[in-house]
Amino acid sequence: MTRTDLPLETIALPGRRVRRTCRGLSLVEVLVALLLLAVGLGGAMGLVTRQVTGLDRTQNGARADALARGRLVQLQAVGYGALNERYLRDTDTAYFGDKAEHRSSADAWWSARLTKAQPAGPGIEAIRIAVTVGWGSATPRTENGPKKNRDLSKTREVTGYVVAP
């Protein structure tokens, strides 16, 4: 048997203790490794949660944009005369839309603000229409203006005009 064929425990230099190279991990090393793994997985889960929330908000925003544009087209189709007669006869600004007390916090709502626009030229009258769609904890705009707890990240607004014939 040559010197390299001997097990590691039997190879020793003269005057030195035999050092075993086949040792296991200590409990402290295992616990530190598990702690680092837990911290890394916790951070990864936080990123995944933020990504899902962002995706949900983007999808809700796209739906809200589509709803707001559809409502704007409907109001423009009503025409200047009917809007002016029904909503702006006695005032320069009118608000209307969904009633907030009849919906759950997850439902979408819409509100419209009609304002007599500044004349674009001589003899041209127009109504500015601002349609806002929101969802979740956001609250609709009322005659008193925006509410203090209004969550603007959950609303979308589109604006258009209706011109008198």
Protein backbone atom coordinates (compact mmCIF):
# COMPACT_ATOMS: atom_id res chain seq x y z
CA MET A 1 0.00 0.00 0.00
CA THR A 2 1.39 3.35 -0.97
CA ARG A 3 1.14 6.47 1.09
CA THR A 4 -1.66 7.93 -1.11
CA ASP A 5 -3.84 4.86 -0.72
CA LEU A 6 -4.11 5.24 3.06
CA PRO A 7 -7.17 6.83 4.61
CA LEU A 8 -6.80 10.50 5.59
CA GLU A 9 -6.80 9.72 9.31
CA THR A 10 -3.65 7.63 9.01
CA ILE A 11 -1.60 10.19 7.06
CA ALA A 12 0.17 12.44 9.50
CA LEU A 13 3.26 14.47 9.43
CA PRO A 14 5.77 13.71 12.15
CA GLY A 15 5.01 15.75 15.31
CA ARG A 16 1.60 16.97 14.09
CA ARG A 17 -1.88 15.95 15.11
CA VAL A 18 -4.13 14.35 12.58
CA ARG A 19 -6.75 16.81 11.34
CA ARG A 20 -9.99 15.38 10.08
CA THR A 21 -11.22 17.06 6.92
CA CYS A 22 -14.56 15.29 6.83
CA ARG A 23 -16.44 17.31 9.46
CA GLY A 24 -20.10 18.33 9.33
CA LEU A 25 -21.65 21.79 9.75
CA SER A 26 -22.24 23.23 13.18
CA LEU A 27 -25.70 24.21 14.40
CA VAL A 28 -24.79 27.90 14.27
CA GLU A 29 -23.74 27.66 10.62
CA VAL A 30 -27.00 25.92 9.72
CA LEU A 31 -29.08 28.53 11.57
CA VAL A 32 -27.24 31.43 9.89
CA ALA A 33 -27.80 29.83 6.49
CA LEU A 34 -31.51 29.38 7.22
CA LEU A 35 -31.77 32.99 8.40
CA LEU A 36 -30.18 34.26 5.18
CA LEU A 37 -32.50 32.07 3.13
CA ALA A 38 -35.56 33.37 5.01
CA VAL A 39 -34.52 37.00 4.49
CA GLY A 40 -33.96 36.40 0.78
CA LEU A 41 -37.30 34.64 0.30
CA GLY A 42 -39.10 37.36 2.28
CA GLY A 43 -37.68 40.03 -0.02
CA ALA A 44 -38.64 38.04 -3.09
CA MET A 45 -42.21 37.63 -1.81
CA GLY A 46 -42.43 41.39 -1.24
CA LEU A 47 -41.41 42.02 -4.85
CA VAL A 48 -43.96 39.53 -6.16
CA THR A 49 -46.70 41.15 -4.07
CA ARG A 50 -45.83 44.61 -5.41
CA GLN A 51 -45.81 43.32 -8.98
CA VAL A 52 -49.25 41.73 -8.60
CA THR A 53 -50.64 44.91 -7.02
CA GLY A 54 -49.18 47.02 -9.82
CA LEU A 55 -50.63 44.72 -12.47
CA ASP A 56 -54.06 44.85 -10.81
CA ARG A 57 -53.93 48.65 -10.67
CA THR A 58 -52.93 48.82 -14.34
CA GLN A 59 -55.79 46.55 -15.38
CA ASN A 60 -58.29 48.55 -13.32
CA GLY A 61 -56.93 51.76 -14.83
CA ALA A 62 -57.37 50.43 -18.36
CA ARG A 63 -60.96 49.41 -17.60
CA ALA A 64 -61.63 52.81 -16.03
CA ASP A 65 -60.23 54.60 -19.10
CA ALA A 66 -62.50 52.58 -21.38
CA LEU A 67 -65.55 53.23 -19.17
CA ALA A 68 -64.79 56.96 -18.97
CA ARG A 69 -64.35 57.29 -22.75
CA GLY A 70 -67.57 55.37 -23.34
CA ARG A 71 -69.50 57.61 -20.94
CA LEU A 72 -67.98 60.71 -22.59
CA VAL A 73 -69.12 59.53 -26.04
CA GLN A 74 -72.63 58.91 -24.67
CA LEU A 75 -72.80 62.41 -23.19
CA GLN A 76 -71.47 63.98 -26.39
CA ALA A 77 -74.14 62.09 -28.34
CA VAL A 78 -76.87 63.72 -26.23
CA GLY A 79 -75.89 67.03 -27.77
CA TYR A 80 -75.36 70.60 -26.68
CA GLY A 81 -79.01 71.63 -26.53
CA ALA A 82 -80.20 68.79 -24.28
CA LEU A 83 -77.20 69.04 -21.91
CA ASN A 84 -77.51 72.81 -21.65
CA GLU A 85 -81.28 72.66 -21.05
CA ARG A 86 -81.18 69.84 -18.48
CA TYR A 87 -78.04 70.61 -16.47
CA LEU A 88 -76.73 74.12 -17.17
CA ARG A 89 -79.89 76.20 -17.41
CA ASP A 90 -79.34 78.03 -14.08
CA THR A 91 -75.66 77.44 -13.36
CA ASP A 92 -72.24 77.36 -15.01
CA THR A 93 -71.20 73.97 -13.56
CA ALA A 94 -73.16 70.79 -12.88
CA TYR A 95 -72.17 67.47 -11.31
CA PHE A 96 -73.96 64.14 -11.68
CA GLY A 97 -73.23 60.42 -11.76
CA ASP A 98 -73.41 57.33 -9.58
CA LYS A 99 -74.57 57.65 -6.00
CA ALA A 100 -71.72 56.60 -3.71
CA GLU A 101 -73.98 55.30 -0.94
CA HIS A 102 -75.46 52.58 -3.20
CA ARG A 103 -72.24 50.76 -4.00
CA SER A 104 -69.70 48.57 -2.28
CA SER A 105 -66.07 49.66 -1.98
CA ALA A 106 -65.02 47.29 -4.79
CA ASP A 107 -67.46 48.65 -7.39
CA ALA A 108 -66.57 51.17 -10.04
CA TRP A 109 -68.33 54.54 -10.05
CA TRP A 110 -68.47 57.44 -12.45
CA SER A 111 -69.20 61.13 -12.20
CA ALA A 112 -69.47 63.88 -14.78
CA ARG A 113 -68.78 67.58 -14.48
CA LEU A 114 -70.32 69.86 -17.10
CA THR A 115 -68.97 73.38 -17.38
CA LYS A 116 -69.85 76.16 -19.78
CA ALA A 117 -66.63 76.59 -21.70
CA GLN A 118 -65.04 79.89 -22.60
CA PRO A 119 -66.06 80.86 -26.12
CA ALA A 120 -63.59 79.60 -28.68
CA GLY A 121 -64.58 82.40 -31.02
CA PRO A 122 -67.41 84.81 -31.75
CA GLY A 123 -70.78 83.07 -31.57
CA ILE A 124 -69.31 79.65 -30.63
CA GLU A 125 -70.70 78.14 -27.45
CA ALA A 126 -69.45 74.90 -25.96
CA ILE A 127 -69.81 72.68 -22.92
CA ARG A 128 -66.71 71.08 -21.39
CA ILE A 129 -67.42 67.52 -20.17
CA ALA A 130 -65.07 65.89 -17.65
CA VAL A 131 -65.93 62.26 -16.89
CA THR A 132 -64.20 60.62 -13.93
CA VAL A 133 -64.29 56.88 -13.27
CA GLY A 134 -62.98 55.42 -10.03
CA TRP A 135 -62.95 52.18 -8.09
CA GLY A 136 -62.19 50.87 -4.64
CA SER A 137 -61.80 53.36 -1.82
CA ALA A 138 -61.78 56.42 -4.09
CA THR A 139 -64.77 58.70 -3.61
CA PRO A 140 -66.58 60.56 -6.39
CA ARG A 141 -66.41 64.29 -6.79
CA THR A 142 -69.50 66.13 -5.59
CA GLU A 143 -70.87 69.65 -5.78
CA ASN A 144 -68.62 70.54 -2.83
CA GLY A 145 -65.47 69.63 -4.75
CA PRO A 146 -63.08 66.75 -4.09
CA LYS A 147 -63.24 65.01 -0.74
CA LYS A 148 -60.17 65.09 1.48
CA ASN A 149 -59.72 61.30 1.53
CA ARG A 150 -59.98 60.94 -2.24
CA ASP A 151 -57.51 58.35 -3.55
CA LEU A 152 -56.46 59.79 -6.92
CA SER A 153 -54.43 56.71 -7.81
CA LYS A 154 -57.75 54.88 -8.25
CA THR A 155 -59.41 57.36 -10.63
CA ARG A 156 -59.19 58.20 -14.31
CA GLU A 157 -60.57 61.34 -15.95
CA VAL A 158 -61.21 62.10 -19.62
CA THR A 159 -62.33 65.42 -21.03
CA GLY A 160 -64.20 66.40 -24.14
CA TYR A 161 -66.36 69.19 -25.56
CA VAL A 162 -69.81 69.53 -27.10
CA VAL A 163 -70.23 72.53 -29.38
CA ALA A 164 -73.53 74.29 -30.02
CA PRO A 165 -74.86 73.78 -33.57
